[in-house]
C-alpha atoms as a PDB file:
ATOM      1  CA  MET A   1     115.620 161.035  27.682  1.00  0.00           C
ATOM      2  CA  PRO A   2     115.193 164.351  26.014  1.00  0.00           C
ATOM      3  CA  THR A   3     117.459 167.322  26.736  1.00  0.00           C
ATOM      4  CA  ASN A   4     117.494 171.182  26.574  1.00  0.00           C
ATOM      5  CA  GLY A   5     114.172 171.017  28.522  1.00  0.00           C
ATOM      6  CA  ALA A   6     112.119 169.040  26.096  1.00  0.00           C
ATOM      7  CA  GLN A   7     109.569 166.936  27.684  1.00  0.00           C
ATOM      8  CA  GLU A   8     108.466 163.300  26.776  1.00  0.00           C
ATOM      9  CA  VAL A   9     105.005 162.065  26.573  1.00  0.00           C
ATOM     10  CA  GLN A  10     104.360 158.219  26.738  1.00  0.00           C
ATOM     11  CA  LEU A  11     101.256 156.576  25.802  1.00  0.00           C
ATOM     12  CA  ILE A  12     101.541 152.986  26.876  1.00  0.00           C
ATOM     13  CA  VAL A  13      99.264 150.058  25.520  1.00  0.00           C
ATOM     14  CA  THR A  14      99.242 146.813  27.300  1.00  0.00           C
ATOM     15  CA  LEU A  15      97.646 143.566  26.396  1.00  0.00           C
ATOM     16  CA  ASN A  16      97.143 140.868  28.742  1.00  0.00           C
ATOM     17  CA  THR A  17      97.570 137.546  27.066  1.00  0.00           C
ATOM     18  CA  VAL A  18      95.697 135.647  29.764  1.00  0.00           C
ATOM     19  CA  ASN A  19      92.362 137.434  29.349  1.00  0.00           C
ATOM     20  CA  GLY A  20      92.741 139.394  26.189  1.00  0.00           C
ATOM     21  CA  GLN A  21      92.277 142.740  28.217  1.00  0.00           C
ATOM     22  CA  VAL A  22      93.885 145.920  26.704  1.00  0.00           C
ATOM     23  CA  SER A  23      94.761 148.838  29.118  1.00  0.00           C
ATOM     24  CA  VAL A  24      95.857 152.325  28.104  1.00  0.00           C
ATOM     25  CA  SER A  25      97.953 154.724  30.377  1.00  0.00           C
ATOM     26  CA  GLY A  26      99.198 158.201  29.710  1.00  0.00           C
ATOM     27  CA  PRO A  27      97.581 161.463  28.870  1.00  0.00           C
ATOM     28  CA  ILE A  28      94.109 160.098  27.792  1.00  0.00           C
ATOM     29  CA  GLN A  29      92.374 163.113  28.722  1.00  0.00           C
ATOM     30  CA  ASN A  30      93.994 164.645  25.831  1.00  0.00           C
ATOM     31  CA  LYS A  31      92.227 162.914  23.064  1.00  0.00           C
ATOM     32  CA  ILE A  32      94.112 164.784  20.116  1.00  0.00           C
ATOM     33  CA  LEU A  33      97.467 163.984  21.604  1.00  0.00           C
ATOM     34  CA  CYS A  34      96.582 160.360  21.977  1.00  0.00           C
ATOM     35  CA  TYR A  35      95.212 159.803  18.508  1.00  0.00           C
ATOM     36  CA  GLY A  36      98.325 161.558  17.112  1.00  0.00           C
ATOM     37  CA  LEU A  37     100.456 159.306  19.120  1.00  0.00           C
ATOM     38  CA  LEU A  38      98.623 156.368  18.072  1.00  0.00           C
ATOM     39  CA  GLU A  39      98.918 157.336  14.306  1.00  0.00           C
ATOM     40  CA  ALA A  40     102.656 157.966  14.712  1.00  0.00           C
ATOM     41  CA  ALA A  41     102.917 154.527  16.054  1.00  0.00           C
ATOM     42  CA  LYS A  42     100.958 152.806  13.384  1.00  0.00           C
ATOM     43  CA  ASP A  43     103.306 154.504  11.007  1.00  0.00           C
ATOM     44  CA  ALA A  44     106.309 153.236  12.811  1.00  0.00           C
ATOM     45  CA  VAL A  45     104.713 149.704  12.803  1.00  0.00           C
ATOM     46  CA  ARG A  46     103.886 149.712   9.229  1.00  0.00           C
ATOM     47  CA  ASP A  47     107.449 150.984   8.174  1.00  0.00           C
ATOM     48  CA  TYR A  48     109.121 148.520  10.165  1.00  0.00           C
ATOM     49  CA  VAL A  49     111.620 146.246   8.573  1.00  0.00           C
ATOM     50  CA  ALA A  50     112.681 143.277  10.619  1.00  0.00           C
ATOM     51  CA  LYS A  51     116.390 143.452  10.296  1.00  0.00           C
ATOM     52  CA  ASN A  52     117.457 143.818  13.755  1.00  0.00           C
ATOM     53  CA  GLN A  53     114.798 142.622  16.359  1.00  0.00           C
ATOM     54  CA  ASN A  54     116.389 144.824  19.466  1.00  0.00           C
ATOM     55  CA  ARG A  55     115.948 148.051  17.592  1.00  0.00           C
ATOM     56  CA  ILE A  56     113.487 150.719  18.270  1.00  0.00           C
ATOM     57  CA  THR A  57     111.855 152.254  15.333  1.00  0.00           C
ATOM     58  CA  LEU A  58     111.229 156.013  15.445  1.00  0.00           C
ATOM     59  CA  ALA A  59     108.077 157.493  14.048  1.00  0.00           C
ATOM     60  CA  THR A  60     107.875 160.850  12.209  1.00  0.00           C
ATOM     61  CA  PRO A  61     108.117 163.525  14.601  1.00  0.00           C
ATOM     62  CA  VAL A  62     104.737 164.808  15.985  1.00  0.00           C
ATOM     63  CA  PRO A  63     104.588 168.736  16.351  1.00  0.00           C
ATOM     64  CA  PRO A  64     105.216 170.172  19.822  1.00  0.00           C
ATOM     65  CA  VAL A  65     102.126 170.130  21.998  1.00  0.00           C
ATOM     66  CA  ARG A  66     101.209 172.304  24.904  1.00  0.00           C
ATOM     67  CA  LEU A  67     100.178 170.329  28.143  1.00  0.00           C
END
């Protein structure tokens, strides 16, 4: 959890493995923010090296966004 008054924004993408349906929750009304988060997530996945399966890979920081 962020400290010093910083805010956290989450974009959650979920796949239902039974029917293949994908759902997205988060600030989807802010398309620029969502697309930026998706690009950052793509970079994190692309750069991931499977050394430790339980480790969270952080993406390059995204500039602050006014909500």
